């Protein structure tokens, strides 16, 4: 494991500054919220996920009000006619879209599942469960890769609270659809990624495969997820630090790779995927991947600049060729807080040198070897 970056205590100061009685504002100017852009379900769902994690450290009394606020927002966002969550809400309370994005729907499902599988008080979990079940049918219609991946993670989180036959059926259907896409022809022709370009939140589908394979004791699915995660980690490591693919053009197959702007969501998503790999295999190298992503927030990056503000729990919106994007919006702040809690959990566990699960022993080393073959071809 590399030298560990400093671990910071839970700090919700900036989170509180970005929030009002409705929810968390989507954007900020510097450290100040920018109400002109309103709220979005994407960020409110992430805020609920952060509350669930912070409750482990602070207790539900410290986060209960915030969690109820986010849950109330999601209730208001749900459109019973379409069965989908609306996403964008103006400062005056009006919804600006009739049907939200697939990403917003899936993220809301995941936050609800994490809540109902937590140790929150019974009424909060009960309301979350009711809304989760109402929104689940629409998840079967999701088509994009990342929303499908998030929906699979939501069903796996719900499984921790107990599954009925309907949830098992939904998990099988979505899991089968995800496997089909992730094992598509692209991975067999040199370019390991199942899409023609790497874009945003790239480690999310790998994480979904890893968690699905581990949950179902499916060696092939787990191996495929590990292979993709290893490749993402290798191609996004430069001079020993994380260098995420930038959003100014992304990385099309056979084309130039964008270096800027690098966003917190990429680093945090890698941390969470590596956390899933560590839980599934016990391999210490996945702890190193987690630390790589965490250190990016604290200055181990292409410009050597700290992106997070650990003293108040905020985070800048990105890293560009000329320095930091000084705005500290909701997504960036929440991704930092999610990454921080993953590392807190990591530092508390005792790592072993051997895989902790039988399925891991069957896959040990395979994904990394294949990842290196792809790196030779594409970097």
Foldseek 3Di string as FASTA:
>chain_A
DPDFDDFFDDFCQLVVQQADLQAGAFWFDQSHGDQQQPFWLLLLLLQLVLLLLVCVVVNCVVCVSSNVNSLVNQVVQQDLVLLAGQTGAHPVGHGPDPHHDLSSRLSNLQSLLLQLLGPDDDVSNVSSVVSNVSNLVVLLVDDDQLSLLSNLNSLLSNVSNPDDPVSVVSNVSSVVVLVDQQPDPCCVPLRNGSDQFQAPLRLSSLLSLLSSCLVVVPLVSNLSSLLSLLLQLVVQADPRAGQHFAHPVGGGVPDDTHRDWAFLSNLLSSLSSLLSVCVRWLACVSVVSLSRSLVVCQQRYPVSHHQADSVNQFGFGTAGPVGTNSITGSVRSSSNSSSSSSVVVVVPDDGDNGTPDPSNVVNPPVSNVVSVSSVVVGD
